[in-house]
Amino acid sequence: MTTTLAVTEIADLGLEARAALFDRDAGIDSARADAQEIVDRVREEGDVAVREYCREFDDVDVGNLEITDACERAVDDVSEDVRNAIDIAIENVREFHEAQVPEDWRREFDDGRELGRRFRPLERVGVYVPGGTAAYPSSAIMGVVPAVVAGVDHISVVTPPADDLNPVTLAAIHLAGADAVYSVGGAQAIAALAYGTETVTRVQKIVGPGNRWVTAAKAAVRNDVEIDLLAGPSEVVVIADDTADPRYVAAELLAQAEHDPNASVVAVTDDEATAAAIVEAVDDQLDERARADTIREAISSDASGVLLARSMSEAILFTEEYAPEHLAIMADDDESILERIDSAGSVFLGPNTPVAAGDYASGTNHVLPTNGGAKLTGGLSVDHFLRATTVQRLAESALDDLAPTITTLADAEGLEAHAESVRLRTDDSRE
């Protein structure tokens, strides 16, 4: 069965086609009203509302919302191979994120100013680990490990309930270092973390990917609790030249498309033969994939396709405007191409670096900005779990030197008390 994936020249893209590619959104508008209603009710009714929503949306009667002990027991229920894979992924993610931990610093300047910055972790954070149509132990690792590395005191995890909770996800949550785990998903889980219930501990920040109701709930609570980002469906751009293996390019498109029917997958190349070969390779591989129906729906979307550029420069300009969540570069001069791209969530260079490596085990984080968000921010990191405080001390001579500047600006702003707080220390009345 062939796909509806076709080659389109970038120069021929009309307004509607460009809008489909560039005006991606998280799909939260359609879920915003329902999510707000859920958030409001959980805020008012706590565990009662959470349990009712578990029955309504997940068809599960949840007894104990907290399943921390079950996660610990699940470690013994997974195979040795799976346990080893989890351990390796955790270690690689930990190692990468440990390199991000900033050091406190203090610097003395010649004029008597002593300035610095120090970093302290948040006390309580919440991590959303998706469930639904697939199990995501990798999301547990990506959300929990950076918080552990940052030194967060208490890490709460929420994950959707089920009659048979996935032991691999539970084991990953425990091994990653979560302190408390709750069997609740969807918008109700976000509300429980944001405001607390009789069972769920209120947190200062919520991180982790989820569906549109989760994302809409994060948008609803972000005036009361910090969030990482409003992530939408998965997306990838693959830049390929005539040296790229079309099979590898096709594999990347299919891999991201299997996440969600709303995923956006794009290959862009400056070689017409390569473009045609990518389409053929997609057709060859598609029916072999277990989630072929989901993939087919995603790649048939107007937000997906194989694009032919008139030059590699045009391909690069397209990619920079797109600002993809994942960017794979399969080209002879990949480093040169990378130097010309500023906006991408995570970049995968060369034929031996599949996006799945970053999704699971290379060490980088897979919680990344979508919908063009890479133009403004990066993916989940240790920074998300830290607070930065500036520190300063002025010698008497330093304040004397700065006093005219400070008092002049304070007087210009009409803030007389600010100016006087300086004059008091610098006038002849100084004791």
Protein backbone atom coordinates (compact mmCIF):
# COMPACT_ATOMS: atom_id res chain seq x y z
CA MET A 1 0.00 0.00 0.00
CA THR A 2 1.56 3.31 -1.06
CA THR A 3 1.64 6.49 0.96
CA THR A 4 0.33 9.89 0.04
CA LEU A 5 3.81 11.32 0.61
CA ALA A 6 4.87 13.32 -2.43
CA VAL A 7 7.72 15.57 -3.47
CA THR A 8 6.99 19.30 -3.49
CA GLU A 9 9.36 22.06 -4.50
CA ILE A 10 9.83 24.64 -1.74
CA ALA A 11 9.54 27.40 -4.32
CA ASP A 12 6.06 26.12 -5.28
CA LEU A 13 4.61 26.12 -1.77
CA GLY A 14 1.50 28.29 -1.62
CA LEU A 15 0.16 30.19 1.35
CA GLU A 16 -1.96 27.29 2.62
CA ALA A 17 0.87 24.79 2.23
CA ARG A 18 3.29 27.07 4.06
CA ALA A 19 0.77 27.64 6.82
CA ALA A 20 0.39 23.88 7.31
CA LEU A 21 4.16 23.55 7.66
CA PHE A 22 4.96 26.61 9.73
CA ASP A 23 1.80 27.37 11.74
CA ARG A 24 1.91 24.18 13.74
CA ASP A 25 0.30 24.26 17.16
CA ALA A 26 -0.03 22.00 20.15
CA GLY A 27 -3.72 21.45 19.43
CA ILE A 28 -4.63 22.86 22.81
CA ASP A 29 -7.32 25.30 21.73
CA SER A 30 -9.87 22.52 21.26
CA ALA A 31 -9.04 21.12 24.70
CA ARG A 32 -8.67 24.38 26.60
CA ALA A 33 -12.23 24.68 27.95
CA ASP A 34 -12.46 21.05 29.08
CA ALA A 35 -9.02 21.21 30.68
CA GLN A 36 -9.92 24.36 32.59
CA GLU A 37 -13.08 22.72 33.93
CA ILE A 38 -11.05 19.71 35.11
CA VAL A 39 -8.40 21.90 36.69
CA ASP A 40 -10.98 23.97 38.56
CA ARG A 41 -12.76 20.92 39.91
CA VAL A 42 -9.58 19.17 41.07
CA ARG A 43 -8.48 22.38 42.76
CA GLU A 44 -11.76 22.51 44.66
CA GLU A 45 -12.43 18.82 45.37
CA GLY A 46 -9.00 17.19 45.45
CA ASP A 47 -8.83 13.39 45.50
CA VAL A 48 -12.56 12.96 44.96
CA ALA A 49 -12.42 14.72 41.61
CA VAL A 50 -9.18 12.95 40.64
CA ARG A 51 -10.72 9.50 41.25
CA GLU A 52 -13.87 10.39 39.34
CA TYR A 53 -11.85 11.54 36.34
CA CYS A 54 -9.80 8.34 36.47
CA ARG A 55 -13.05 6.39 36.14
CA GLU A 56 -14.42 8.67 33.42
CA PHE A 57 -11.35 8.98 31.21
CA ASP A 58 -9.26 5.90 31.97
CA ASP A 59 -12.03 3.47 32.96
CA VAL A 60 -10.06 2.58 36.08
CA ASP A 61 -11.21 2.59 39.70
CA VAL A 62 -8.09 3.78 41.45
CA GLY A 63 -7.71 2.61 45.03
CA ASN A 64 -4.52 4.13 46.35
CA LEU A 65 -3.49 7.05 44.21
CA GLU A 66 0.08 6.73 45.44
CA ILE A 67 1.94 3.82 43.84
CA THR A 68 5.49 4.54 44.99
CA ASP A 69 5.89 1.06 46.49
CA ALA A 70 4.55 -0.56 43.32
CA CYS A 71 7.26 1.18 41.31
CA GLU A 72 9.94 -0.20 43.60
CA ARG A 73 8.50 -3.71 43.32
CA ALA A 74 8.32 -3.41 39.53
CA VAL A 75 12.10 -3.44 39.32
CA ASP A 76 11.98 -7.16 40.11
CA ASP A 77 9.32 -7.74 37.42
CA VAL A 78 11.35 -6.61 34.42
CA SER A 79 13.81 -8.79 32.57
CA GLU A 80 17.54 -8.48 33.09
CA ASP A 81 17.96 -7.06 29.59
CA VAL A 82 15.36 -4.36 30.22
CA ARG A 83 16.86 -3.52 33.62
CA ASN A 84 20.31 -3.17 32.05
CA ALA A 85 18.93 -0.96 29.30
CA ILE A 86 17.25 1.30 31.85
CA ASP A 87 20.44 1.52 33.90
CA ILE A 88 22.57 2.43 30.87
CA ALA A 89 20.10 5.07 29.72
CA ILE A 90 19.94 6.59 33.21
CA GLU A 91 23.71 6.69 33.50
CA ASN A 92 24.15 8.37 30.10
CA VAL A 93 21.42 10.92 30.80
CA ARG A 94 22.89 11.60 34.23
CA GLU A 95 26.38 12.07 32.80
CA PHE A 96 25.19 14.54 30.16
CA HIS A 97 23.15 16.56 32.63
CA GLU A 98 25.89 16.63 35.26
CA ALA A 99 27.96 18.55 32.71
CA GLN A 100 25.24 21.24 32.76
CA VAL A 101 25.40 21.96 36.50
CA PRO A 102 26.66 25.55 36.87
CA GLU A 103 29.16 26.54 39.54
CA ASP A 104 28.55 29.40 41.94
CA TRP A 105 30.91 32.24 41.22
CA ARG A 106 32.07 35.49 42.82
CA ARG A 107 34.34 38.03 41.13
CA GLU A 108 36.18 41.01 42.59
CA PHE A 109 36.61 44.02 40.31
CA ASP A 110 39.41 46.55 40.61
CA ASP A 111 37.04 49.33 41.66
CA GLY A 112 35.85 47.51 44.79
CA ARG A 113 32.75 45.81 43.42
CA GLU A 114 32.31 42.15 44.32
CA LEU A 115 29.63 40.47 42.20
CA GLY A 116 28.52 36.89 41.83
CA ARG A 117 25.86 34.37 41.10
CA ARG A 118 24.78 31.27 42.98
CA PHE A 119 22.45 28.44 42.05
CA ARG A 120 20.02 26.53 44.25
CA PRO A 121 17.55 23.76 43.30
CA LEU A 122 13.80 23.93 43.61
CA GLU A 123 12.39 22.01 46.56
CA ARG A 124 9.45 20.23 44.89
CA VAL A 125 8.87 19.40 41.23
CA GLY A 126 6.39 17.23 39.37
CA VAL A 127 7.14 15.08 36.34
CA TYR A 128 4.43 13.92 33.94
CA VAL A 129 5.13 10.50 32.40
CA PRO A 130 2.68 9.71 29.57
CA GLY A 131 0.79 6.47 29.12
CA GLY A 132 -2.02 5.92 26.68
CA THR A 133 -1.28 4.15 23.41
CA ALA A 134 2.34 3.44 24.32
CA ALA A 135 4.53 3.08 27.40
CA TYR A 136 7.18 5.73 27.96
CA PRO A 137 9.83 4.68 30.47
CA SER A 138 12.18 6.98 28.56
CA SER A 139 10.08 10.00 29.55
CA ALA A 140 10.48 9.02 33.20
CA ILE A 141 14.24 9.02 32.78
CA MET A 142 14.28 12.33 30.88
CA GLY A 143 12.12 14.10 33.45
CA VAL A 144 13.40 12.69 36.72
CA VAL A 145 17.16 12.38 36.19
CA PRO A 146 17.86 16.10 35.50
CA ALA A 147 15.88 16.99 38.63
CA VAL A 148 17.96 14.53 40.66
CA VAL A 149 21.17 15.95 39.20
CA ALA A 150 20.02 19.49 40.04
CA GLY A 151 19.48 18.44 43.67
CA VAL A 152 15.68 18.81 43.90
CA ASP A 153 14.51 17.69 47.34
CA HIS A 154 11.24 16.01 46.36
CA ILE A 155 10.33 14.70 42.91
CA SER A 156 6.74 13.63 42.32
CA VAL A 157 5.76 11.63 39.24
CA VAL A 158 2.27 11.23 37.81
CA THR A 159 1.43 8.63 35.19
CA PRO A 160 -1.98 7.51 33.84
CA PRO A 161 -3.73 4.67 35.66
CA ALA A 162 -4.43 1.29 34.12
CA ASP A 163 -5.68 -2.08 35.28
CA ASP A 164 -2.21 -3.39 34.48
CA LEU A 165 0.38 -0.67 34.85
CA ASN A 166 3.40 -1.14 32.64
CA PRO A 167 6.19 -2.57 34.84
CA VAL A 168 8.94 -1.13 32.62
CA THR A 169 7.64 2.40 33.09
CA LEU A 170 7.21 1.87 36.82
CA ALA A 171 10.70 0.43 37.17
CA ALA A 172 12.21 3.31 35.20
CA ILE A 173 10.43 5.84 37.43
CA HIS A 174 11.88 4.22 40.55
CA LEU A 175 15.38 3.70 39.20
CA ALA A 176 15.54 7.27 37.90
CA GLY A 177 15.08 8.51 41.46
CA ALA A 178 11.46 9.62 41.98
CA ASP A 179 10.41 10.20 45.58
CA ALA A 180 6.63 9.77 45.15
CA VAL A 181 4.55 8.35 42.31
CA TYR A 182 0.83 8.78 41.69
CA SER A 183 -1.50 6.83 39.41
CA VAL A 184 -3.26 9.71 37.69
CA GLY A 185 -2.95 11.17 34.22
CA GLY A 186 -4.41 13.82 31.96
CA ALA A 187 -5.41 17.33 32.94
CA GLN A 188 -6.39 16.07 36.39
CA ALA A 189 -2.80 15.02 37.07
CA ILE A 190 -1.49 18.47 36.17
CA ALA A 191 -4.09 20.09 38.43
CA ALA A 192 -3.23 17.76 41.31
CA LEU A 193 0.45 18.64 41.04
CA ALA A 194 -0.24 22.35 40.68
CA TYR A 195 -2.57 22.72 43.65
CA GLY A 196 -2.08 19.57 45.70
CA THR A 197 -4.74 17.19 46.98
CA GLU A 198 -5.14 15.10 50.13
CA THR A 199 -2.70 12.62 48.56
CA VAL A 200 -0.68 14.45 45.92
CA THR A 201 2.04 16.84 47.06
CA ARG A 202 1.85 20.34 45.61
CA VAL A 203 4.91 21.24 43.52
CA GLN A 204 6.67 24.39 42.36
CA LYS A 205 7.22 23.28 38.77
CA ILE A 206 5.73 20.72 36.37
CA VAL A 207 7.70 19.20 33.50
CA GLY A 208 7.17 16.46 30.95
CA PRO A 209 5.29 15.83 27.70
CA GLY A 210 1.67 14.81 27.34
CA ASN A 211 -1.35 14.95 25.06
CA ARG A 212 -3.29 18.09 24.23
CA TRP A 213 -5.35 17.94 27.44
CA VAL A 214 -2.17 17.72 29.49
CA THR A 215 -0.72 20.62 27.52
CA ALA A 216 -3.90 22.66 27.87
CA ALA A 217 -3.90 22.02 31.62
CA LYS A 218 -0.28 23.17 31.85
CA ALA A 219 -1.32 26.36 30.08
CA ALA A 220 -4.19 26.76 32.56
CA VAL A 221 -2.04 26.45 35.70
CA ARG A 222 1.09 28.30 34.66
CA ASN A 223 0.13 31.47 36.53
CA ASP A 224 0.22 29.44 39.75
CA VAL A 225 3.08 27.03 39.08
CA GLU A 226 6.07 27.05 36.76
CA ILE A 227 6.02 24.75 33.73
CA ASP A 228 8.75 23.68 31.33
CA LEU A 229 7.08 24.28 27.94
CA LEU A 230 3.88 23.69 25.99
CA ALA A 231 4.92 20.79 23.80
CA GLY A 232 2.82 19.63 20.89
CA PRO A 233 2.98 16.49 18.73
CA SER A 234 6.38 15.17 17.72
CA GLU A 235 8.16 16.63 14.69
CA VAL A 236 11.33 16.07 12.70
CA VAL A 237 13.12 17.68 9.78
CA VAL A 238 15.77 15.71 7.92
CA ILE A 239 18.21 17.64 5.74
CA ALA A 240 19.67 15.30 3.13
CA ASP A 241 22.05 15.76 0.21
CA ASP A 242 22.90 13.29 -2.55
CA THR A 243 25.20 11.35 -0.18
CA ALA A 244 22.37 10.46 2.19
CA ASP A 245 20.99 6.94 2.32
CA PRO A 246 17.26 7.33 1.49
CA ARG A 247 16.46 4.32 3.68
CA TYR A 248 17.85 6.12 6.71
CA VAL A 249 15.94 9.29 5.92
CA ALA A 250 12.72 7.32 5.51
CA ALA A 251 13.34 5.51 8.79
CA GLU A 252 13.58 8.83 10.62
CA LEU A 253 10.30 10.04 9.14
CA LEU A 254 8.51 6.83 10.08
CA ALA A 255 9.98 6.78 13.59
CA GLN A 256 8.60 10.20 14.51
CA ALA A 257 5.32 9.61 12.66
CA GLU A 258 4.54 6.57 14.81
CA HIS A 259 4.18 8.79 17.88
CA ASP A 260 0.96 10.49 16.88
CA PRO A 261 -1.34 10.95 13.87
CA ASN A 262 -0.70 14.67 14.34
CA ALA A 263 3.09 14.35 14.14
CA SER A 264 4.86 16.47 11.52
CA VAL A 265 7.67 14.82 9.54
CA VAL A 266 9.59 16.57 6.77
CA ALA A 267 12.57 15.68 4.61
CA VAL A 268 14.24 18.47 2.64
CA THR A 269 16.89 17.89 0.01
CA ASP A 270 18.54 19.74 -2.84
CA ASP A 271 18.76 16.59 -5.00
CA GLU A 272 15.76 15.49 -7.07
CA ALA A 273 16.83 11.84 -7.27
CA THR A 274 17.28 11.70 -3.50
CA ALA A 275 13.81 13.17 -2.96
CA ALA A 276 12.20 10.50 -5.14
CA ALA A 277 14.24 7.77 -3.46
CA ILE A 278 13.07 8.93 0.00
CA VAL A 279 9.43 8.60 -1.05
CA GLU A 280 10.11 5.13 -2.42
CA ALA A 281 11.93 4.10 0.76
CA VAL A 282 9.00 5.29 2.89
CA ASP A 283 6.66 3.12 0.82
CA ASP A 284 9.00 0.15 1.16
CA GLN A 285 9.24 0.38 4.94
CA LEU A 286 5.79 1.56 5.98
CA ASP A 287 3.81 -1.67 5.89
CA GLU A 288 6.49 -3.39 7.98
CA ARG A 289 5.92 -1.02 10.91
CA ALA A 290 3.65 -2.17 13.76
CA ARG A 291 2.03 1.26 14.03
CA ALA A 292 1.55 1.63 10.28
CA ASP A 293 -1.95 3.12 10.59
CA THR A 294 -0.73 5.91 12.88
CA ILE A 295 2.25 6.55 10.63
CA ARG A 296 0.14 6.66 7.48
CA GLU A 297 -2.18 9.25 9.00
CA ALA A 298 0.75 11.43 10.10
CA ILE A 299 2.63 11.38 6.81
CA SER A 300 -0.50 12.06 4.78
CA SER A 301 -0.99 15.33 6.66
CA ASP A 302 -0.34 18.67 4.97
CA ALA A 303 2.22 19.26 7.74
CA SER A 304 4.40 16.41 6.43
CA GLY A 305 6.21 15.86 3.17
CA VAL A 306 9.39 15.62 1.12
CA LEU A 307 10.55 19.03 -0.05
CA LEU A 308 12.90 19.75 -2.91
CA ALA A 309 15.12 22.81 -2.51
CA ARG A 310 16.86 24.63 -5.35
CA SER A 311 20.03 24.68 -3.26
CA MET A 312 21.31 23.64 0.13
CA SER A 313 21.08 27.28 1.19
CA GLU A 314 17.33 27.20 0.50
CA ALA A 315 17.05 23.97 2.49
CA ILE A 316 18.86 25.61 5.40
CA LEU A 317 16.68 28.73 5.27
CA PHE A 318 13.56 26.55 5.28
CA THR A 319 14.82 24.60 8.28
CA GLU A 320 15.72 27.72 10.23
CA GLU A 321 12.23 29.11 9.66
CA TYR A 322 10.68 25.76 10.61
CA ALA A 323 12.70 25.52 13.89
CA PRO A 324 12.15 21.76 14.31
CA GLU A 325 11.96 19.81 17.52
CA HIS A 326 14.34 17.22 16.02
CA LEU A 327 16.77 17.98 13.21
CA ALA A 328 18.70 15.20 11.50
CA ILE A 329 21.43 16.25 9.07
CA MET A 330 22.55 13.56 6.64
CA ALA A 331 24.91 15.40 4.35
CA ASP A 332 28.55 15.37 3.40
CA ASP A 333 29.21 18.74 5.05
CA ASP A 334 26.96 18.38 8.06
CA GLU A 335 29.08 20.56 10.38
CA SER A 336 28.97 23.47 7.93
CA ILE A 337 25.18 23.12 7.65
CA LEU A 338 24.84 23.02 11.44
CA GLU A 339 26.81 26.27 11.76
CA ARG A 340 24.11 28.02 9.71
CA ILE A 341 21.17 26.80 11.82
CA ASP A 342 20.36 28.41 15.17
CA SER A 343 16.82 27.16 15.81
CA ALA A 344 16.41 23.45 16.56
CA GLY A 345 15.54 21.54 19.70
CA SER A 346 18.07 18.73 19.23
CA VAL A 347 20.38 18.00 16.30
CA PHE A 348 21.51 14.58 15.06
CA LEU A 349 24.56 14.58 12.81
CA GLY A 350 25.58 11.92 10.34
CA PRO A 351 24.20 8.60 9.14
CA ASN A 352 24.87 6.76 12.42
CA THR A 353 22.92 9.09 14.71
CA PRO A 354 19.23 8.24 14.61
CA VAL A 355 16.84 10.46 16.53
CA ALA A 356 15.94 7.39 18.58
CA ALA A 357 19.40 7.58 20.14
CA GLY A 358 18.45 10.87 21.76
CA ASP A 359 14.97 9.62 22.53
CA TYR A 360 16.37 6.88 24.70
CA ALA A 361 19.98 6.54 25.60
CA SER A 362 22.66 8.82 24.13
CA GLY A 363 22.27 11.16 27.09
CA THR A 364 20.59 14.26 25.69
CA ASN A 365 17.06 15.11 26.78
CA HIS A 366 14.08 14.29 24.59
CA VAL A 367 11.69 16.82 26.17
CA LEU A 368 12.03 19.49 23.49
CA PRO A 369 10.26 22.59 22.15
CA THR A 370 7.82 22.06 19.28
CA ASN A 371 5.72 24.35 17.10
CA GLY A 372 8.66 26.63 16.36
CA GLY A 373 9.47 27.00 20.04
CA ALA A 374 13.13 26.29 19.32
CA LYS A 375 13.37 29.89 18.09
CA LEU A 376 12.93 30.97 21.71
CA THR A 377 14.05 28.21 24.05
CA GLY A 378 15.81 24.88 24.40
CA GLY A 379 14.82 21.50 25.75
CA LEU A 380 14.51 20.29 29.31
CA SER A 381 17.77 20.66 31.22
CA VAL A 382 19.23 21.05 34.69
CA ASP A 383 18.57 24.79 34.35
CA HIS A 384 14.83 24.15 34.60
CA PHE A 385 15.25 22.91 38.16
CA LEU A 386 17.53 25.66 39.46
CA ARG A 387 17.11 29.19 40.76
CA ALA A 388 19.84 31.73 40.18
CA THR A 389 20.53 34.41 42.79
CA THR A 390 22.86 37.32 42.21
CA VAL A 391 25.15 38.41 45.07
CA GLN A 392 27.00 41.67 45.52
CA ARG A 393 29.18 43.53 47.99
CA LEU A 394 30.52 47.05 47.50
CA ALA A 395 33.58 48.48 49.13
CA GLU A 396 33.25 52.04 50.46
CA SER A 397 35.27 53.35 47.53
CA ALA A 398 33.10 51.46 45.03
CA LEU A 399 29.92 53.04 46.40
CA ASP A 400 31.56 56.45 46.29
CA ASP A 401 32.41 55.92 42.63
CA LEU A 402 28.91 54.71 41.74
CA ALA A 403 27.00 57.25 43.84
CA PRO A 404 26.68 59.99 41.18
CA THR A 405 25.39 57.49 38.61
CA ILE A 406 22.89 55.93 41.02
CA THR A 407 21.54 59.18 42.47
CA THR A 408 21.27 60.86 39.06
CA LEU A 409 19.22 57.97 37.65
CA ALA A 410 17.11 57.64 40.80
CA ASP A 411 16.31 61.35 40.79
CA ALA A 412 15.45 61.14 37.09
CA GLU A 413 12.95 58.42 37.89
CA GLY A 414 11.47 60.39 40.75
CA LEU A 415 12.53 57.81 43.32
CA GLU A 416 13.93 60.15 45.94
CA ALA A 417 14.24 57.50 48.66
CA HIS A 418 16.45 55.39 46.40
CA ALA A 419 18.81 58.31 45.95
CA GLU A 420 18.82 59.13 49.64
CA SER A 421 19.70 55.55 50.55
CA VAL A 422 22.96 56.21 48.69
CA ARG A 423 23.56 59.78 49.83
CA LEU A 424 23.18 58.70 53.44
CA ARG A 425 26.20 56.49 53.00
CA THR A 426 28.33 58.84 50.94
CA ASP A 427 27.73 62.33 52.39
CA ASP A 428 30.02 63.82 54.98
CA SER A 429 27.59 62.48 57.61
CA ARG A 430 29.04 59.00 57.12
CA GLU A 431 30.34 57.72 60.43
